[in-house]
Amino acid sequence: MRKIYISIGLFIFLSSTAFAESKIMQLIQKKIPNATVKKLKTSDHFKEVYEIMIRQPLDHKNPAAGHFEQRLFLSHVDRKNPMVFVTEGYGASQRTYELSKALNSNQLIVEYRYYGKSKPIKHDWKYLKNDHAMDDLHRLRLLFKKIYRKKWLATGISKGGTSTLTYKYRYPKDVHASVAYVAPLTLGQEDKRTDEHIMSIGDKACRDKLDAFQKEALKRRDNLVAMVEKWAKEGNKSFEFMGYGSVLEYAVLEYTFSFWQWGADCDKVPGLEASDQEYFDHLNAVVGYDFYSDATCDYFRPSYYQFVTELGYYGFIKDHVQDLLVEAKDANNLIFAPKNTDLSYSNYSQPVIDWLDKNGDEIIYIYGEIDTWTACGYHPTKEVDALRLDKKGGSHYTRIASFNKNDQDAVYAKLKDWMKVSVLPLYNMKKAN
């Protein structure tokens, strides 16, 4: 009798699980037009996970402009639970965000247009505008609101965090709270605040050591360029767009930005007595030569178009190494943007900043102290109900779980107040992403 009882119980469990899966699948297909749904393996607290392709207008105000397929990742727990709406700035993949765990929420990750599987057949750059991308998010919010009717929170990291803030600016009533991680609001094609940060962060001894490393690397240019070429060929990596000499020089110029962005260790910076191999390895670890490969340049080209035309970016500090440069004497990030395209700059961030100053309620800002992008971070005014936390010594990897209990509790208190939901503190979990 016991074996029969277990078998019947197992049958009921499997049947109910299958029913739950089919129900949410049916709702997506019923409520969301032209959606293609693929079931994925579940993970963490989610009961069902799906990759979804949805047809989106290239221009939401002009349907005649055509369409593209946009990729989403939906992770489902329960329709009675809140939704964490992830506003990616680049391509997307399925993973669990720390706030989804803290809120025991559903999660919807949106791949940014012109990335990954969300590329139009024809790359007409005029449709890669931030307003169009925010319209994508708004339409998805309206569509999925038909299924998930509880509280929504928007969140994103880096360029995705910038998307979170600009989405709030464009559609302030779409979500009940926003959490932007390490999100810059950059002013100009070359925002000089990043230069000021690099020349003032840390102690002088460390900054001098970084400058000395850059100079010495360029003095060893011929040897290091040859090593880059050997490394590339052994790894079957193509550098036709940049060329090996430019790769080395751009990596050296990028070095101080990346060093502080990712929180490298000054004690590990090679000195003048170090070998060429140590110089090669350290530069590769901090910057990464692969960042300049043809594949990576192609991947990030949509971003550079947005950086130099709307969102802003940073430049390079060159004065101390100018006489050592051969191919990159006039180095700038315009080289990575699309060719034969209007790259005129229109300051998108300033109106966002002006709006946030007076209207930026229910937003949490997370930054790392030494992260170079923190130089372009936003400081909420006293006029709004918002919270900013800066992690001492924190890099671009800074998350809510990076902070101590008191700081985390300040975040959770705001989320409880704004969203009227329960929160499971990340410090009570064994591991938070």
Protein backbone atom coordinates (compact mmCIF):
# COMPACT_ATOMS: atom_id res chain seq x y z
CA MET A 1 0.00 0.00 0.00
CA ARG A 2 2.84 2.39 0.79
CA LYS A 3 4.34 2.05 -2.71
CA ILE A 4 0.95 2.79 -4.26
CA TYR A 5 0.52 5.83 -2.02
CA ILE A 6 3.91 7.21 -3.02
CA SER A 7 3.20 6.59 -6.70
CA ILE A 8 -0.14 8.37 -6.51
CA GLY A 9 1.45 11.29 -4.65
CA LEU A 10 4.22 11.54 -7.22
CA PHE A 11 1.66 11.47 -10.03
CA ILE A 12 -0.31 14.30 -8.42
CA PHE A 13 2.88 16.35 -7.90
CA LEU A 14 4.06 15.91 -11.48
CA SER A 15 0.62 16.65 -12.84
CA SER A 16 0.28 19.85 -10.81
CA THR A 17 3.77 20.99 -11.87
CA ALA A 18 3.00 20.36 -15.51
CA PHE A 19 -0.27 22.25 -15.10
CA ALA A 20 1.52 25.25 -13.55
CA GLU A 21 4.03 25.34 -16.37
CA SER A 22 1.38 25.08 -19.06
CA LYS A 23 -0.70 27.77 -17.37
CA ILE A 24 2.01 30.44 -17.44
CA MET A 25 2.96 29.36 -20.96
CA GLN A 26 -0.65 29.71 -22.05
CA LEU A 27 -0.90 33.14 -20.46
CA ILE A 28 2.17 34.38 -22.31
CA GLN A 29 0.87 33.09 -25.63
CA LYS A 30 -2.60 34.49 -24.95
CA LYS A 31 -1.66 37.91 -23.57
CA ILE A 32 1.47 38.70 -25.58
CA PRO A 33 1.18 38.74 -29.39
CA ASN A 34 3.89 37.25 -31.64
CA ALA A 35 5.79 35.73 -28.72
CA THR A 36 8.01 32.69 -29.24
CA VAL A 37 8.64 30.82 -26.00
CA LYS A 38 11.39 28.32 -25.19
CA LYS A 39 11.53 26.54 -21.84
CA LEU A 40 14.89 26.61 -20.02
CA LYS A 41 16.31 24.83 -17.00
CA THR A 42 15.16 26.25 -13.67
CA SER A 43 17.56 27.59 -11.05
CA ASP A 44 17.58 29.19 -7.60
CA HIS A 45 14.08 29.95 -6.29
CA PHE A 46 12.39 30.02 -9.69
CA LYS A 47 9.82 27.40 -10.68
CA GLU A 48 9.89 28.06 -14.41
CA VAL A 49 12.34 29.83 -16.73
CA TYR A 50 11.74 30.83 -20.35
CA GLU A 51 13.58 32.49 -23.19
CA ILE A 52 11.08 34.63 -25.06
CA MET A 53 11.37 36.40 -28.40
CA ILE A 54 8.93 39.27 -28.93
CA ARG A 55 8.41 41.37 -32.04
CA GLN A 56 9.11 45.04 -31.35
CA PRO A 57 8.77 48.12 -33.58
CA LEU A 58 12.02 49.76 -34.58
CA ASP A 59 10.23 53.05 -34.04
CA HIS A 60 7.28 52.82 -31.65
CA LYS A 61 5.78 55.99 -33.12
CA ASN A 62 6.16 54.81 -36.71
CA PRO A 63 5.21 51.13 -37.22
CA ALA A 64 6.01 51.47 -40.93
CA ALA A 65 9.72 51.60 -40.03
CA GLY A 66 9.70 47.86 -39.49
CA HIS A 67 10.28 45.45 -36.62
CA PHE A 68 12.93 43.38 -34.88
CA GLU A 69 12.83 40.42 -32.52
CA GLN A 70 13.80 41.23 -28.93
CA ARG A 71 15.00 38.58 -26.49
CA LEU A 72 13.77 38.33 -22.90
CA PHE A 73 14.37 35.89 -20.09
CA LEU A 74 11.38 35.31 -17.83
CA SER A 75 11.92 33.54 -14.51
CA HIS A 76 8.65 32.72 -12.80
CA VAL A 77 7.85 32.10 -9.14
CA ASP A 78 4.26 33.15 -8.59
CA ARG A 79 1.99 35.77 -10.10
CA LYS A 80 1.28 36.99 -6.56
CA ASN A 81 4.95 37.92 -6.10
CA PRO A 82 6.64 41.14 -7.26
CA MET A 83 8.57 41.45 -10.51
CA VAL A 84 12.22 42.50 -10.87
CA PHE A 85 12.52 44.13 -14.30
CA VAL A 86 16.16 44.01 -15.49
CA THR A 87 17.01 46.78 -17.94
CA GLU A 88 20.16 45.49 -19.59
CA GLY A 89 22.44 47.85 -21.50
CA TYR A 90 24.02 45.17 -23.68
CA GLY A 91 23.30 41.55 -24.53
CA ALA A 92 21.46 39.37 -22.03
CA SER A 93 21.76 35.91 -20.54
CA GLN A 94 19.76 34.04 -17.96
CA ARG A 95 21.01 34.57 -14.42
CA THR A 96 19.58 35.45 -11.03
CA TYR A 97 19.94 39.02 -9.76
CA GLU A 98 20.42 39.58 -6.05
CA LEU A 99 17.23 41.61 -5.71
CA SER A 100 15.20 38.76 -7.17
CA LYS A 101 16.41 36.61 -4.28
CA ALA A 102 15.85 39.32 -1.68
CA LEU A 103 12.27 39.91 -2.85
CA ASN A 104 11.53 36.26 -3.72
CA SER A 105 10.32 37.78 -6.96
CA ASN A 106 9.69 36.91 -10.55
CA GLN A 107 12.33 38.27 -12.92
CA LEU A 108 12.21 39.64 -16.45
CA ILE A 109 15.55 40.38 -18.17
CA VAL A 110 15.39 42.50 -21.33
CA GLU A 111 18.18 42.39 -23.89
CA TYR A 112 19.02 45.83 -25.28
CA ARG A 113 18.13 46.39 -28.93
CA TYR A 114 20.96 45.76 -31.46
CA TYR A 115 22.58 43.18 -29.14
CA GLY A 116 22.72 39.39 -29.01
CA LYS A 117 19.59 37.93 -30.56
CA SER A 118 17.89 41.34 -30.54
CA LYS A 119 19.51 42.68 -33.71
CA PRO A 120 17.47 44.10 -36.59
CA ILE A 121 18.14 42.47 -39.93
CA LYS A 122 19.33 45.83 -41.23
CA HIS A 123 21.58 47.86 -38.92
CA ASP A 124 20.09 51.30 -39.49
CA TRP A 125 21.79 53.26 -36.71
CA LYS A 126 19.08 55.92 -36.57
CA TYR A 127 16.88 53.45 -34.68
CA LEU A 128 19.53 52.84 -32.02
CA LYS A 129 18.42 55.74 -29.87
CA ASN A 130 17.92 55.64 -26.14
CA ASP A 131 14.33 56.84 -26.45
CA HIS A 132 13.53 53.89 -28.72
CA ALA A 133 15.09 51.49 -26.20
CA MET A 134 13.05 53.01 -23.37
CA ASP A 135 9.94 52.63 -25.52
CA ASP A 136 10.85 48.94 -25.81
CA LEU A 137 10.83 48.66 -22.02
CA HIS A 138 7.55 50.52 -21.67
CA ARG A 139 5.77 48.31 -24.18
CA LEU A 140 7.06 45.19 -22.44
CA ARG A 141 5.91 46.56 -19.09
CA LEU A 142 2.41 47.06 -20.49
CA LEU A 143 2.35 43.59 -22.02
CA PHE A 144 3.58 41.69 -18.98
CA LYS A 145 1.44 43.78 -16.63
CA LYS A 146 -1.45 41.71 -18.00
CA ILE A 147 0.13 38.68 -16.32
CA TYR A 148 2.11 40.11 -13.39
CA ARG A 149 -0.07 42.67 -11.61
CA LYS A 150 1.88 43.11 -8.36
CA LYS A 151 4.70 45.54 -7.60
CA TRP A 152 7.48 46.05 -10.17
CA LEU A 153 11.09 47.10 -9.52
CA ALA A 154 13.47 48.15 -12.31
CA THR A 155 17.18 47.48 -11.96
CA GLY A 156 20.33 47.39 -14.05
CA ILE A 157 24.12 47.36 -13.80
CA SER A 158 26.56 49.80 -15.46
CA LYS A 159 25.05 50.80 -18.84
CA GLY A 160 22.06 48.76 -17.74
CA GLY A 161 21.90 50.95 -14.63
CA THR A 162 21.91 54.00 -16.86
CA SER A 163 18.97 52.38 -18.66
CA THR A 164 17.20 52.04 -15.30
CA LEU A 165 17.56 55.78 -14.68
CA THR A 166 16.60 56.89 -18.17
CA TYR A 167 13.63 54.51 -18.10
CA LYS A 168 12.49 56.17 -14.86
CA TYR A 169 12.93 59.55 -16.56
CA ARG A 170 10.91 58.56 -19.62
CA TYR A 171 8.21 56.50 -17.87
CA PRO A 172 8.18 57.53 -14.18
CA LYS A 173 4.98 55.63 -13.33
CA ASP A 174 5.94 52.28 -14.85
CA VAL A 175 7.61 50.85 -11.73
CA HIS A 176 7.28 51.27 -7.98
CA ALA A 177 11.03 51.39 -7.25
CA SER A 178 14.35 51.45 -9.09
CA VAL A 179 17.84 50.27 -8.13
CA ALA A 180 20.69 51.45 -10.35
CA TYR A 181 24.08 49.82 -9.85
CA VAL A 182 27.35 51.63 -10.73
CA ALA A 183 25.40 53.69 -13.27
CA PRO A 184 27.09 56.69 -14.93
CA LEU A 185 25.26 59.71 -16.33
CA THR A 186 28.08 60.93 -18.53
CA LEU A 187 28.38 64.43 -19.98
CA GLY A 188 30.22 64.73 -23.29
CA GLN A 189 31.99 62.42 -25.69
CA GLU A 190 34.96 62.67 -23.30
CA ASP A 191 33.76 63.45 -19.78
CA LYS A 192 36.75 64.93 -17.97
CA ARG A 193 35.42 63.87 -14.56
CA THR A 194 36.88 60.42 -15.19
CA ASP A 195 40.32 61.99 -15.73
CA GLU A 196 40.00 63.89 -12.45
CA HIS A 197 39.04 60.67 -10.69
CA ILE A 198 42.03 58.74 -12.07
CA MET A 199 44.41 61.54 -11.07
CA SER A 200 43.09 61.79 -7.50
CA ILE A 201 41.86 58.35 -6.35
CA GLY A 202 44.09 56.19 -4.15
CA ASP A 203 47.42 57.48 -2.83
CA LYS A 204 50.10 59.28 -4.81
CA ALA A 205 52.56 56.42 -4.53
CA CYS A 206 50.11 54.08 -6.28
CA ARG A 207 49.25 56.61 -8.98
CA ASP A 208 52.95 57.21 -9.64
CA LYS A 209 53.46 53.46 -9.93
CA LEU A 210 50.67 53.21 -12.53
CA ASP A 211 52.18 56.05 -14.56
CA ALA A 212 55.60 54.39 -14.40
CA PHE A 213 54.10 51.09 -15.57
CA GLN A 214 52.50 52.78 -18.58
CA LYS A 215 55.73 54.51 -19.57
CA GLU A 216 57.80 51.36 -19.18
CA ALA A 217 55.30 49.27 -21.15
CA LEU A 218 55.54 51.70 -24.06
CA LYS A 219 59.34 51.70 -23.85
CA ARG A 220 59.10 47.93 -24.29
CA ARG A 221 56.63 48.41 -27.14
CA ASP A 222 58.35 46.28 -29.79
CA ASN A 223 58.72 43.27 -27.50
CA LEU A 224 55.16 43.53 -26.15
CA VAL A 225 53.62 44.01 -29.59
CA ALA A 226 55.35 40.84 -30.76
CA MET A 227 53.97 39.03 -27.71
CA VAL A 228 50.44 40.27 -28.44
CA GLU A 229 50.74 38.98 -32.00
CA LYS A 230 51.99 35.57 -30.84
CA TRP A 231 49.22 35.35 -28.22
CA ALA A 232 46.56 36.30 -30.78
CA LYS A 233 47.68 33.74 -33.35
CA GLU A 234 47.89 30.96 -30.77
CA GLY A 235 44.35 31.77 -29.67
CA ASN A 236 42.99 32.22 -33.20
CA LYS A 237 41.99 35.80 -32.42
CA SER A 238 41.66 38.36 -35.18
CA PHE A 239 42.90 41.95 -34.78
CA GLU A 240 42.59 43.20 -38.34
CA PHE A 241 40.54 46.23 -37.32
CA MET A 242 43.05 47.58 -34.79
CA GLY A 243 46.38 45.99 -35.62
CA TYR A 244 48.77 44.71 -32.97
CA GLY A 245 50.61 47.98 -32.42
CA SER A 246 47.42 49.94 -31.78
CA VAL A 247 46.11 47.18 -29.52
CA LEU A 248 49.15 47.49 -27.27
CA GLU A 249 49.05 51.30 -27.17
CA TYR A 250 45.30 51.53 -26.57
CA ALA A 251 45.58 48.93 -23.81
CA VAL A 252 48.28 51.02 -22.13
CA LEU A 253 46.15 54.17 -22.39
CA GLU A 254 43.09 52.31 -21.06
CA TYR A 255 45.10 50.82 -18.20
CA THR A 256 44.46 53.41 -15.47
CA PHE A 257 40.72 53.58 -16.20
CA SER A 258 40.37 49.79 -16.00
CA PHE A 259 42.69 49.54 -12.99
CA TRP A 260 40.39 51.64 -10.81
CA GLN A 261 37.16 50.46 -12.43
CA TRP A 262 37.78 46.82 -11.54
CA GLY A 263 39.69 47.39 -8.31
CA ALA A 264 43.14 46.06 -9.16
CA ASP A 265 45.87 45.75 -6.54
CA CYS A 266 48.66 48.31 -6.60
CA ASP A 267 51.04 45.83 -4.95
CA LYS A 268 50.73 43.59 -8.01
CA VAL A 269 51.79 46.26 -10.53
CA PRO A 270 55.14 45.18 -12.06
CA GLY A 271 58.10 47.41 -11.34
CA LEU A 272 60.91 48.43 -13.69
CA GLU A 273 62.83 45.24 -12.88
CA ALA A 274 59.96 42.96 -13.99
CA SER A 275 60.20 40.84 -17.15
CA ASP A 276 58.40 41.50 -20.42
CA GLN A 277 56.21 38.49 -19.67
CA GLU A 278 55.12 40.04 -16.37
CA TYR A 279 54.26 43.29 -18.15
CA PHE A 280 52.36 41.42 -20.84
CA ASP A 281 50.40 39.32 -18.34
CA HIS A 282 49.54 42.21 -16.03
CA LEU A 283 48.25 44.41 -18.85
CA ASN A 284 46.22 41.50 -20.17
CA ALA A 285 44.75 40.84 -16.71
CA VAL A 286 43.75 44.46 -16.04
CA VAL A 287 42.63 45.57 -19.52
CA GLY A 288 42.54 42.47 -21.70
CA TYR A 289 43.88 42.51 -25.26
CA ASP A 290 40.78 40.63 -26.33
CA PHE A 291 38.86 43.87 -25.68
CA TYR A 292 40.33 45.08 -28.99
CA SER A 293 39.72 41.94 -31.02
CA ASP A 294 37.56 42.17 -34.13
CA ALA A 295 34.83 40.14 -32.40
CA THR A 296 34.72 42.37 -29.32
CA CYS A 297 34.83 45.58 -31.35
CA ASP A 298 31.92 44.32 -33.43
CA TYR A 299 29.98 43.38 -30.30
CA PHE A 300 30.38 46.78 -28.63
CA ARG A 301 30.00 48.93 -31.75
CA PRO A 302 26.31 49.68 -30.97
CA SER A 303 27.37 50.94 -27.53
CA TYR A 304 30.03 53.22 -28.93
CA TYR A 305 27.48 54.66 -31.32
CA GLN A 306 25.29 55.50 -28.34
CA PHE A 307 28.19 56.72 -26.22
CA VAL A 308 29.48 59.21 -28.76
CA THR A 309 26.07 60.39 -29.99
CA GLU A 310 23.91 60.48 -26.83
CA LEU A 311 25.07 58.85 -23.61
CA GLY A 312 28.61 60.21 -23.40
CA TYR A 313 31.87 58.43 -22.59
CA TYR A 314 35.44 59.05 -21.48
CA GLY A 315 38.77 59.88 -23.07
CA PHE A 316 42.39 58.98 -22.43
CA ILE A 317 45.03 60.69 -20.31
CA LYS A 318 47.99 60.93 -22.68
CA ASP A 319 50.26 63.82 -21.72
CA HIS A 320 52.69 61.75 -19.64
CA VAL A 321 53.18 59.16 -22.41
CA GLN A 322 52.55 61.23 -25.56
CA ASP A 323 56.16 61.08 -26.72
CA LEU A 324 56.15 57.27 -26.43
CA LEU A 325 53.08 56.68 -28.61
CA VAL A 326 53.58 55.61 -32.22
CA GLU A 327 50.17 54.66 -33.65
CA ALA A 328 47.80 56.11 -31.04
CA LYS A 329 49.04 59.69 -30.68
CA ASP A 330 45.48 60.95 -31.32
CA ALA A 331 43.75 58.08 -29.52
CA ASN A 332 40.05 58.44 -28.78
CA ASN A 333 37.01 56.19 -28.55
CA LEU A 334 35.48 57.48 -31.78
CA ILE A 335 37.55 54.85 -33.56
CA PHE A 336 35.24 52.14 -32.19
CA ALA A 337 32.01 53.75 -33.42
CA PRO A 338 30.41 52.90 -36.80
CA LYS A 339 32.10 54.33 -39.88
CA ASN A 340 30.40 56.61 -42.43
CA THR A 341 27.77 57.55 -39.86
CA ASP A 342 26.77 60.86 -38.30
CA LEU A 343 28.39 60.86 -34.86
CA SER A 344 27.25 64.30 -33.76
CA TYR A 345 26.79 64.45 -30.00
CA SER A 346 23.53 65.41 -28.31
CA ASN A 347 23.67 65.53 -24.51
CA TYR A 348 21.03 63.02 -23.39
CA SER A 349 22.20 62.76 -19.77
CA GLN A 350 21.78 66.38 -18.69
CA PRO A 351 17.97 66.46 -19.07
CA VAL A 352 17.85 63.17 -17.14
CA ILE A 353 19.93 64.70 -14.34
CA ASP A 354 17.76 67.82 -14.25
CA TRP A 355 14.62 65.68 -14.01
CA LEU A 356 16.03 63.41 -11.31
CA ASP A 357 16.97 66.44 -9.21
CA LYS A 358 13.29 67.26 -8.72
CA ASN A 359 11.43 64.05 -9.53
CA GLY A 360 13.77 61.15 -8.82
CA ASP A 361 11.83 59.48 -6.04
CA GLU A 362 11.95 55.77 -5.14
CA ILE A 363 15.46 55.25 -6.55
CA ILE A 364 18.46 53.57 -4.90
CA TYR A 365 21.95 54.26 -6.27
CA ILE A 366 24.79 51.81 -5.61
CA TYR A 367 28.40 52.85 -6.30
CA GLY A 368 31.95 51.73 -5.54
CA GLU A 369 34.31 54.39 -4.21
CA ILE A 370 37.29 53.67 -6.47
CA ASP A 371 35.31 52.70 -9.61
CA THR A 372 36.20 55.17 -12.37
CA TRP A 373 32.54 55.35 -13.44
CA THR A 374 31.63 56.66 -9.99
CA ALA A 375 33.07 59.98 -11.16
CA CYS A 376 30.00 60.24 -13.40
CA GLY A 377 27.58 58.88 -10.82
CA TYR A 378 24.45 60.73 -9.80
CA HIS A 379 23.96 62.35 -6.38
CA PRO A 380 20.26 62.61 -5.42
CA THR A 381 19.11 65.93 -4.04
CA LYS A 382 17.36 66.49 -0.71
CA GLU A 383 14.16 67.22 -2.63
CA VAL A 384 13.56 63.56 -3.47
CA ASP A 385 12.99 60.32 -1.59
CA ALA A 386 16.06 58.41 -2.77
CA LEU A 387 19.13 56.69 -1.34
CA ARG A 388 22.74 56.54 -2.49
CA LEU A 389 25.32 54.15 -1.02
CA ASP A 390 29.05 54.25 -1.80
CA LYS A 391 31.14 51.23 -0.86
CA LYS A 392 34.50 52.31 0.56
CA GLY A 393 37.17 50.73 -1.64
CA GLY A 394 34.43 49.31 -3.85
CA SER A 395 34.87 48.75 -7.58
CA HIS A 396 32.51 48.28 -10.52
CA TYR A 397 31.64 44.92 -8.95
CA THR A 398 29.86 46.64 -6.04
CA ARG A 399 26.42 45.24 -5.22
CA ILE A 400 24.02 45.49 -2.26
CA ALA A 401 25.58 42.34 -0.81
CA SER A 402 28.94 44.19 -0.78
CA PHE A 403 27.78 46.44 2.07
CA ASN A 404 27.61 45.85 5.80
CA LYS A 405 24.41 44.92 7.59
CA ASN A 406 23.44 48.48 8.53
CA ASP A 407 23.82 49.77 4.97
CA GLN A 408 21.91 46.82 3.56
CA ASP A 409 19.13 47.38 6.08
CA ALA A 410 18.80 50.97 4.84
CA VAL A 411 18.19 49.59 1.33
CA TYR A 412 15.66 47.04 2.55
CA ALA A 413 13.80 49.67 4.58
CA LYS A 414 13.35 51.81 1.48
CA LEU A 415 12.15 48.85 -0.60
CA LYS A 416 9.65 47.83 2.06
CA ASP A 417 8.36 51.40 2.27
CA TRP A 418 8.09 51.94 -1.48
CA MET A 419 6.89 48.52 -2.57
CA LYS A 420 5.01 47.26 0.51
CA VAL A 421 6.68 43.86 0.20
CA SER A 422 8.70 41.63 2.51
CA VAL A 423 12.46 41.41 2.01
CA LEU A 424 14.84 38.56 2.82
CA PRO A 425 18.17 40.23 3.68
CA LEU A 426 21.05 39.07 1.53
CA TYR A 427 23.28 38.74 4.60
CA ASN A 428 20.96 35.95 5.77
CA MET A 429 21.62 33.95 2.62
CA LYS A 430 24.56 31.61 2.13
CA LYS A 431 25.41 33.18 -1.22
CA ALA A 432 24.04 36.16 -3.15
CA ASN A 433 24.79 36.94 -6.79
